[in-house]
C-alpha atoms as a PDB file:
ATOM      1  CA  UNK A   1      15.698  -8.115  -6.160  1.00  0.00           C
ATOM      2  CA  UNK A   2      13.734 -11.255  -5.256  1.00  0.00           C
ATOM      3  CA  UNK A   3      12.289  -9.565  -2.668  1.00  0.00           C
ATOM      4  CA  UNK A   4      10.750  -6.495  -3.905  1.00  0.00           C
ATOM      5  CA  UNK A   5       9.279  -8.470  -6.361  1.00  0.00           C
ATOM      6  CA  UNK A   6       7.939 -10.595  -3.603  1.00  0.00           C
ATOM      7  CA  UNK A   7       6.649  -7.381  -2.167  1.00  0.00           C
ATOM      8  CA  UNK A   8       4.892  -6.412  -5.241  1.00  0.00           C
ATOM      9  CA  UNK A   9       3.205 -10.094  -5.559  1.00  0.00           C
ATOM     10  CA  UNK A  10       1.949  -9.406  -1.793  1.00  0.00           C
ATOM     11  CA  UNK A  11       0.451  -6.391  -2.774  1.00  0.00           C
ATOM     12  CA  UNK A  12      -1.136  -7.419  -6.051  1.00  0.00           C
ATOM     13  CA  UNK A  13      -2.856 -10.109  -3.600  1.00  0.00           C
ATOM     14  CA  UNK A  14      -3.775  -7.977  -1.039  1.00  0.00           C
ATOM     15  CA  UNK A  15      -5.319  -4.945  -3.585  1.00  0.00           C
ATOM     16  CA  UNK A  16      -7.446  -8.087  -5.084  1.00  0.00           C
ATOM     17  CA  UNK A  17      -8.613  -9.502  -1.842  1.00  0.00           C
ATOM     18  CA  UNK A  18      -9.843  -6.040  -0.789  1.00  0.00           C
ATOM     19  CA  UNK A  19     -11.786  -5.754  -4.171  1.00  0.00           C
ATOM     20  CA  UNK A  20     -13.438  -8.875  -3.473  1.00  0.00           C
ATOM     21  CA  UNK A  21     -14.678  -7.176  -0.018  1.00  0.00           C
ATOM     22  CA  UNK A  22     -17.903  -4.997   0.587  1.00  0.00           C
ATOM     23  CA  UNK A  23     -17.022  -1.269  -0.469  1.00  0.00           C
ATOM     24  CA  UNK A  24     -19.445  -0.328   2.290  1.00  0.00           C
ATOM     25  CA  UNK A  25     -18.290  -1.615   4.888  1.00  0.00           C
ATOM     26  CA  UNK A  26     -14.993  -0.701   4.419  1.00  0.00           C
ATOM     27  CA  UNK A  27     -16.053   2.895   3.860  1.00  0.00           C
ATOM     28  CA  UNK A  28     -18.123   3.113   7.162  1.00  0.00           C
ATOM     29  CA  UNK A  29     -17.527   6.126   9.613  1.00  0.00           C
ATOM     30  CA  UNK A  30     -17.763   5.185  12.921  1.00  0.00           C
ATOM     31  CA  UNK A  31     -20.739   5.770  14.689  1.00  0.00           C
ATOM     32  CA  UNK A  32     -21.777   8.624  18.003  1.00  0.00           C
ATOM     33  CA  UNK A  33     -24.919   8.442  19.477  1.00  0.00           C
ATOM     34  CA  UNK A  34     -25.034  12.370  20.328  1.00  0.00           C
ATOM     35  CA  UNK A  35     -27.808  12.154  23.533  1.00  0.00           C
ATOM     36  CA  UNK A  36     -29.456  16.071  23.433  1.00  0.00           C
ATOM     37  CA  UNK A  37     -31.053  16.721  27.144  1.00  0.00           C
ATOM     38  CA  UNK A  38     -32.278  20.139  28.014  1.00  0.00           C
ATOM     39  CA  UNK A  39     -29.450  21.949  28.916  1.00  0.00           C
ATOM     40  CA  UNK A  40     -28.726  25.628  27.228  1.00  0.00           C
ATOM     41  CA  UNK A  41     -25.508  26.479  28.088  1.00  0.00           C
ATOM     42  CA  UNK A  42     -23.452  26.568  25.147  1.00  0.00           C
ATOM     43  CA  UNK A  43     -25.852  25.150  22.932  1.00  0.00           C
ATOM     44  CA  UNK A  44     -24.737  27.482  19.313  1.00  0.00           C
ATOM     45  CA  UNK A  45     -21.434  26.331  20.424  1.00  0.00           C
ATOM     46  CA  UNK A  46     -22.641  22.706  20.509  1.00  0.00           C
ATOM     47  CA  UNK A  47     -23.605  22.863  17.386  1.00  0.00           C
ATOM     48  CA  UNK A  48     -21.321  24.010  15.637  1.00  0.00           C
ATOM     49  CA  UNK A  49     -18.846  21.525  17.226  1.00  0.00           C
ATOM     50  CA  UNK A  50     -20.742  18.588  16.206  1.00  0.00           C
ATOM     51  CA  UNK A  51     -20.863  20.056  13.034  1.00  0.00           C
ATOM     52  CA  UNK A  52     -16.974  19.368  13.114  1.00  0.00           C
ATOM     53  CA  UNK A  53     -17.145  16.252  13.848  1.00  0.00           C
ATOM     54  CA  UNK A  54     -19.599  14.456  11.949  1.00  0.00           C
ATOM     55  CA  UNK A  55     -16.991  15.125   9.349  1.00  0.00           C
ATOM     56  CA  UNK A  56     -15.213  12.053  10.917  1.00  0.00           C
ATOM     57  CA  UNK A  57     -18.267  10.312  12.508  1.00  0.00           C
ATOM     58  CA  UNK A  58     -21.673   9.349  11.323  1.00  0.00           C
ATOM     59  CA  UNK A  59     -23.587  11.030  14.213  1.00  0.00           C
ATOM     60  CA  UNK A  60     -27.257   9.911  15.615  1.00  0.00           C
ATOM     61  CA  UNK A  61     -29.538  11.988  17.591  1.00  0.00           C
ATOM     62  CA  UNK A  62     -31.811  10.971  20.932  1.00  0.00           C
ATOM     63  CA  UNK A  63     -33.548  13.445  22.802  1.00  0.00           C
ATOM     64  CA  UNK A  64     -34.360  13.065  26.116  1.00  0.00           C
ATOM     65  CA  UNK A  65     -38.301  14.369  27.050  1.00  0.00           C
ATOM     66  CA  UNK A  66     -36.904  17.567  28.239  1.00  0.00           C
ATOM     67  CA  UNK A  67     -34.222  17.820  25.125  1.00  0.00           C
ATOM     68  CA  UNK A  68     -37.493  18.052  22.666  1.00  0.00           C
ATOM     69  CA  UNK A  69     -39.546  20.465  24.914  1.00  0.00           C
ATOM     70  CA  UNK A  70     -36.320  23.113  25.229  1.00  0.00           C
ATOM     71  CA  UNK A  71     -33.849  22.902  22.641  1.00  0.00           C
ATOM     72  CA  UNK A  72     -36.230  20.831  19.965  1.00  0.00           C
ATOM     73  CA  UNK A  73     -35.694  18.689  17.536  1.00  0.00           C
ATOM     74  CA  UNK A  74     -35.578  21.150  14.596  1.00  0.00           C
ATOM     75  CA  UNK A  75     -32.295  22.088  15.450  1.00  0.00           C
ATOM     76  CA  UNK A  76     -30.675  18.789  14.646  1.00  0.00           C
ATOM     77  CA  UNK A  77     -32.718  17.944  11.497  1.00  0.00           C
ATOM     78  CA  UNK A  78     -29.364  17.223   9.525  1.00  0.00           C
ATOM     79  CA  UNK A  79     -28.620  14.103  11.784  1.00  0.00           C
ATOM     80  CA  UNK A  80     -30.239  11.097  11.810  1.00  0.00           C
ATOM     81  CA  UNK A  81     -32.745  10.395  14.911  1.00  0.00           C
ATOM     82  CA  UNK A  82     -33.102   7.382  16.951  1.00  0.00           C
ATOM     83  CA  UNK A  83     -35.694   6.527  19.739  1.00  0.00           C
ATOM     84  CA  UNK A  84     -34.980   2.945  20.828  1.00  0.00           C
ATOM     85  CA  UNK A  85     -37.233   1.540  23.793  1.00  0.00           C
ATOM     86  CA  UNK A  86     -35.840   0.190  26.887  1.00  0.00           C
ATOM     87  CA  UNK A  87     -36.431  -3.388  25.081  1.00  0.00           C
ATOM     88  CA  UNK A  88     -33.779  -2.437  22.434  1.00  0.00           C
ATOM     89  CA  UNK A  89     -31.783  -0.290  24.204  1.00  0.00           C
ATOM     90  CA  UNK A  90     -29.515  -3.135  25.099  1.00  0.00           C
ATOM     91  CA  UNK A  91     -28.544  -4.560  21.467  1.00  0.00           C
ATOM     92  CA  UNK A  92     -28.479  -0.884  20.065  1.00  0.00           C
ATOM     93  CA  UNK A  93     -25.475   0.013  22.035  1.00  0.00           C
ATOM     94  CA  UNK A  94     -23.428  -2.643  20.555  1.00  0.00           C
ATOM     95  CA  UNK A  95     -23.306  -0.956  17.070  1.00  0.00           C
ATOM     96  CA  UNK A  96     -22.497   2.663  18.737  1.00  0.00           C
ATOM     97  CA  UNK A  97     -18.563   3.277  19.422  1.00  0.00           C
ATOM     98  CA  UNK A  98     -19.114   6.535  21.307  1.00  0.00           C
ATOM     99  CA  UNK A  99     -21.909   8.333  23.334  1.00  0.00           C
ATOM    100  CA  UNK A 100     -21.652  12.239  23.707  1.00  0.00           C
ATOM    101  CA  UNK A 101     -23.446  13.950  26.231  1.00  0.00           C
ATOM    102  CA  UNK A 102     -23.078  17.685  24.873  1.00  0.00           C
ATOM    103  CA  UNK A 103     -26.107  19.049  26.757  1.00  0.00           C
ATOM    104  CA  UNK A 104     -26.369  17.555  29.566  1.00  0.00           C
ATOM    105  CA  UNK A 105     -28.210  18.490  32.836  1.00  0.00           C
ATOM    106  CA  UNK A 106     -27.764  18.607  36.745  1.00  0.00           C
ATOM    107  CA  UNK A 107     -30.817  16.625  36.723  1.00  0.00           C
ATOM    108  CA  UNK A 108     -29.939  14.134  34.465  1.00  0.00           C
ATOM    109  CA  UNK A 109     -26.561  14.171  36.163  1.00  0.00           C
ATOM    110  CA  UNK A 110     -27.583  13.425  39.303  1.00  0.00           C
ATOM    111  CA  UNK A 111     -29.885  10.376  38.923  1.00  0.00           C
ATOM    112  CA  UNK A 112     -26.682   8.718  36.695  1.00  0.00           C
ATOM    113  CA  UNK A 113     -24.537   9.447  39.498  1.00  0.00           C
ATOM    114  CA  UNK A 114     -26.910   7.546  41.819  1.00  0.00           C
ATOM    115  CA  UNK A 115     -27.857   4.606  39.421  1.00  0.00           C
ATOM    116  CA  UNK A 116     -31.539   6.075  38.892  1.00  0.00           C
ATOM    117  CA  UNK A 117     -32.669   5.025  35.102  1.00  0.00           C
ATOM    118  CA  UNK A 118     -35.866   5.809  35.191  1.00  0.00           C
ATOM    119  CA  UNK A 119     -36.033   6.750  31.320  1.00  0.00           C
ATOM    120  CA  UNK A 120     -34.718   5.435  27.516  1.00  0.00           C
ATOM    121  CA  UNK A 121     -31.965   7.872  28.228  1.00  0.00           C
ATOM    122  CA  UNK A 122     -30.520   7.725  31.540  1.00  0.00           C
ATOM    123  CA  UNK A 123     -30.624   3.762  31.308  1.00  0.00           C
ATOM    124  CA  UNK A 124     -28.884   3.966  27.795  1.00  0.00           C
ATOM    125  CA  UNK A 125     -26.010   6.030  29.533  1.00  0.00           C
ATOM    126  CA  UNK A 126     -25.794   3.421  32.555  1.00  0.00           C
ATOM    127  CA  UNK A 127     -25.813   0.498  30.076  1.00  0.00           C
ATOM    128  CA  UNK A 128     -23.089   2.718  28.350  1.00  0.00           C
ATOM    129  CA  UNK A 129     -20.859   2.886  31.348  1.00  0.00           C
ATOM    130  CA  UNK A 130     -21.567  -0.717  31.805  1.00  0.00           C
ATOM    131  CA  UNK A 131     -20.294  -2.327  28.944  1.00  0.00           C
ATOM    132  CA  UNK A 132     -17.220   0.624  28.436  1.00  0.00           C
ATOM    133  CA  UNK A 133     -18.053   2.539  25.637  1.00  0.00           C
ATOM    134  CA  UNK A 134     -16.636   6.055  25.349  1.00  0.00           C
ATOM    135  CA  UNK A 135     -18.855   8.780  26.765  1.00  0.00           C
ATOM    136  CA  UNK A 136     -17.739  12.452  26.759  1.00  0.00           C
ATOM    137  CA  UNK A 137     -20.147  14.863  28.473  1.00  0.00           C
ATOM    138  CA  UNK A 138     -20.024  18.557  28.017  1.00  0.00           C
ATOM    139  CA  UNK A 139     -20.162  20.230  32.033  1.00  0.00           C
ATOM    140  CA  UNK A 140     -21.363  23.402  30.436  1.00  0.00           C
ATOM    141  CA  UNK A 141     -24.722  23.067  32.156  1.00  0.00           C
ATOM    142  CA  UNK A 142     -24.048  20.711  34.469  1.00  0.00           C
ATOM    143  CA  UNK A 143     -21.540  22.252  37.056  1.00  0.00           C
ATOM    144  CA  UNK A 144     -22.610  24.693  39.878  1.00  0.00           C
ATOM    145  CA  UNK A 145     -21.097  27.872  40.690  1.00  0.00           C
ATOM    146  CA  UNK A 146     -21.369  29.693  44.785  1.00  0.00           C
ATOM    147  CA  UNK A 147     -19.608  27.394  46.694  1.00  0.00           C
ATOM    148  CA  UNK A 148     -22.375  26.449  48.818  1.00  0.00           C
ATOM    149  CA  UNK A 149     -23.103  23.264  50.588  1.00  0.00           C
ATOM    150  CA  UNK A 150     -25.871  22.356  47.713  1.00  0.00           C
ATOM    151  CA  UNK A 151     -23.357  23.527  44.716  1.00  0.00           C
ATOM    152  CA  UNK A 152     -20.680  21.158  45.996  1.00  0.00           C
ATOM    153  CA  UNK A 153     -22.709  18.508  46.037  1.00  0.00           C
ATOM    154  CA  UNK A 154     -24.143  18.970  42.150  1.00  0.00           C
ATOM    155  CA  UNK A 155     -20.726  19.349  41.425  1.00  0.00           C
ATOM    156  CA  UNK A 156     -19.754  15.885  43.328  1.00  0.00           C
ATOM    157  CA  UNK A 157     -22.208  14.004  40.672  1.00  0.00           C
ATOM    158  CA  UNK A 158     -20.018  14.924  38.100  1.00  0.00           C
ATOM    159  CA  UNK A 159     -16.891  13.686  40.045  1.00  0.00           C
ATOM    160  CA  UNK A 160     -18.639  10.260  40.386  1.00  0.00           C
ATOM    161  CA  UNK A 161     -19.635  10.238  36.955  1.00  0.00           C
ATOM    162  CA  UNK A 162     -15.799  11.032  36.200  1.00  0.00           C
ATOM    163  CA  UNK A 163     -15.008   7.735  38.029  1.00  0.00           C
ATOM    164  CA  UNK A 164     -17.303   5.836  35.887  1.00  0.00           C
ATOM    165  CA  UNK A 165     -15.377   6.781  33.208  1.00  0.00           C
ATOM    166  CA  UNK A 166     -17.171   9.421  31.617  1.00  0.00           C
ATOM    167  CA  UNK A 167     -14.803  12.426  30.085  1.00  0.00           C
ATOM    168  CA  UNK A 168     -16.054  16.014  30.622  1.00  0.00           C
ATOM    169  CA  UNK A 169     -14.682  18.746  28.552  1.00  0.00           C
ATOM    170  CA  UNK A 170     -16.302  22.512  27.639  1.00  0.00           C
ATOM    171  CA  UNK A 171     -18.304  23.162  24.637  1.00  0.00           C
ATOM    172  CA  UNK A 172     -16.005  24.862  22.972  1.00  0.00           C
ATOM    173  CA  UNK A 173     -13.331  21.987  23.383  1.00  0.00           C
ATOM    174  CA  UNK A 174     -15.378  18.975  21.995  1.00  0.00           C
ATOM    175  CA  UNK A 175     -14.332  18.875  18.875  1.00  0.00           C
ATOM    176  CA  UNK A 176     -11.012  19.080  19.427  1.00  0.00           C
ATOM    177  CA  UNK A 177     -10.968  16.312  22.047  1.00  0.00           C
ATOM    178  CA  UNK A 178     -13.010  14.080  20.180  1.00  0.00           C
ATOM    179  CA  UNK A 179     -11.025  14.487  16.325  1.00  0.00           C
ATOM    180  CA  UNK A 180      -7.649  14.655  18.514  1.00  0.00           C
ATOM    181  CA  UNK A 181      -8.847  11.426  20.761  1.00  0.00           C
ATOM    182  CA  UNK A 182      -9.589   9.731  17.332  1.00  0.00           C
ATOM    183  CA  UNK A 183      -5.584  10.774  15.667  1.00  0.00           C
ATOM    184  CA  UNK A 184      -3.808   9.732  18.310  1.00  0.00           C
ATOM    185  CA  UNK A 185      -5.217   6.101  18.296  1.00  0.00           C
ATOM    186  CA  UNK A 186      -4.444   5.600  15.006  1.00  0.00           C
ATOM    187  CA  UNK A 187      -1.301   7.682  14.316  1.00  0.00           C
ATOM    188  CA  UNK A 188       0.744   4.703  15.500  1.00  0.00           C
ATOM    189  CA  UNK A 189       0.456   1.888  13.953  1.00  0.00           C
ATOM    190  CA  UNK A 190       3.279  -0.222  13.612  1.00  0.00           C
ATOM    191  CA  UNK A 191       2.497  -3.096  14.818  1.00  0.00           C
ATOM    192  CA  UNK A 192       0.137  -3.612  11.558  1.00  0.00           C
ATOM    193  CA  UNK A 193       1.585  -5.733   8.874  1.00  0.00           C
ATOM    194  CA  UNK A 194      -1.079  -4.438   6.168  1.00  0.00           C
ATOM    195  CA  UNK A 195      -2.250  -0.928   6.422  1.00  0.00           C
ATOM    196  CA  UNK A 196      -5.312  -0.942   4.335  1.00  0.00           C
ATOM    197  CA  UNK A 197      -8.064   1.868   3.116  1.00  0.00           C
ATOM    198  CA  UNK A 198     -10.123   1.108   6.241  1.00  0.00           C
ATOM    199  CA  UNK A 199      -7.373   2.179   8.861  1.00  0.00           C
ATOM    200  CA  UNK A 200      -7.143   5.646   6.812  1.00  0.00           C
ATOM    201  CA  UNK A 201     -10.538   6.271   6.576  1.00  0.00           C
ATOM    202  CA  UNK A 202     -10.828   8.723   9.613  1.00  0.00           C
ATOM    203  CA  UNK A 203      -7.013   9.542   9.903  1.00  0.00           C
ATOM    204  CA  UNK A 204      -6.544  13.071   8.526  1.00  0.00           C
ATOM    205  CA  UNK A 205      -3.797  15.708   8.681  1.00  0.00           C
ATOM    206  CA  UNK A 206      -1.100  13.691  10.516  1.00  0.00           C
ATOM    207  CA  UNK A 207       2.012  11.581  10.323  1.00  0.00           C
ATOM    208  CA  UNK A 208       1.936   7.853  11.191  1.00  0.00           C
ATOM    209  CA  UNK A 209       4.802   5.972  12.427  1.00  0.00           C
ATOM    210  CA  UNK A 210       5.079   1.927  10.961  1.00  0.00           C
ATOM    211  CA  UNK A 211       7.327  -0.386  11.147  1.00  0.00           C
ATOM    212  CA  UNK A 212      10.031  -1.373   8.325  1.00  0.00           C
ATOM    213  CA  UNK A 213       8.366  -4.558   7.273  1.00  0.00           C
ATOM    214  CA  UNK A 214       4.217  -2.835   6.971  1.00  0.00           C
ATOM    215  CA  UNK A 215       3.045  -3.196   3.782  1.00  0.00           C
ATOM    216  CA  UNK A 216       0.509  -0.342   2.871  1.00  0.00           C
ATOM    217  CA  UNK A 217      -2.175  -0.762  -0.019  1.00  0.00           C
ATOM    218  CA  UNK A 218      -2.273   1.083  -3.290  1.00  0.00           C
ATOM    219  CA  UNK A 219      -5.485   1.948  -1.721  1.00  0.00           C
ATOM    220  CA  UNK A 220      -3.887   2.898   1.615  1.00  0.00           C
ATOM    221  CA  UNK A 221      -1.515   5.475   0.031  1.00  0.00           C
ATOM    222  CA  UNK A 222      -4.092   7.353  -2.489  1.00  0.00           C
ATOM    223  CA  UNK A 223      -6.348   7.511   0.859  1.00  0.00           C
ATOM    224  CA  UNK A 224      -3.365   9.049   2.550  1.00  0.00           C
ATOM    225  CA  UNK A 225      -2.807  11.769  -0.135  1.00  0.00           C
ATOM    226  CA  UNK A 226      -6.111  12.523  -0.299  1.00  0.00           C
ATOM    227  CA  UNK A 227      -6.301  13.047   3.751  1.00  0.00           C
ATOM    228  CA  UNK A 228      -3.143  14.619   3.803  1.00  0.00           C
ATOM    229  CA  UNK A 229      -1.456  11.558   5.552  1.00  0.00           C
ATOM    230  CA  UNK A 230       2.247  10.809   5.682  1.00  0.00           C
ATOM    231  CA  UNK A 231       4.112   7.657   6.365  1.00  0.00           C
ATOM    232  CA  UNK A 232       7.387   7.535   8.594  1.00  0.00           C
ATOM    233  CA  UNK A 233       9.398   4.437   8.780  1.00  0.00           C
ATOM    234  CA  UNK A 234      11.024   3.547  12.317  1.00  0.00           C
ATOM    235  CA  UNK A 235      14.159   3.054  12.848  1.00  0.00           C
END
């Protein structure tokens, strides 16, 4: 009985502390920079996939010159647009959680593979690689078929980018990969002593494994019900 009272007291203290914190910071989505190049393969599918991803991420759009000319800014008008200069890239990328390259072209792929950083987009991708940012690219527009020596060279660029840590997926699999990765990162929280609202903001439709000593705050329980998240206590 005394143990139950102690738990209730701890939970109340945690809730009071949460109330004094900035609620905007608690509810802030992760930031995802979407770089729009000039690739057109799978464009409509990419737009659908980004809409799904936006439910869990704050999407910010950055256009390459070919992206503006070929794809057009109107197709992404519902999202915030960013246009950092070369001087601003280093500070800008610090606030980004993930970089998406859904319309990556063979040209940009080749440049990044050999370290060419001749514009803001290639420079930003390079900085993302060297700073260890999660980068996911769609390969619909940057792969080559035919089995020729030239095609093999183009595909070798993708192999190099993979070795740099960039993940490649098909446009039809983009949102599933991104959201599944996020789910997998969050469904095991047994090392945490206290689960708060912040831990559950981007977690939906899953079961979370907890330690038997873990405390779940009232706000977190409410968010779990809203997001259809259930808790399972580790034996």
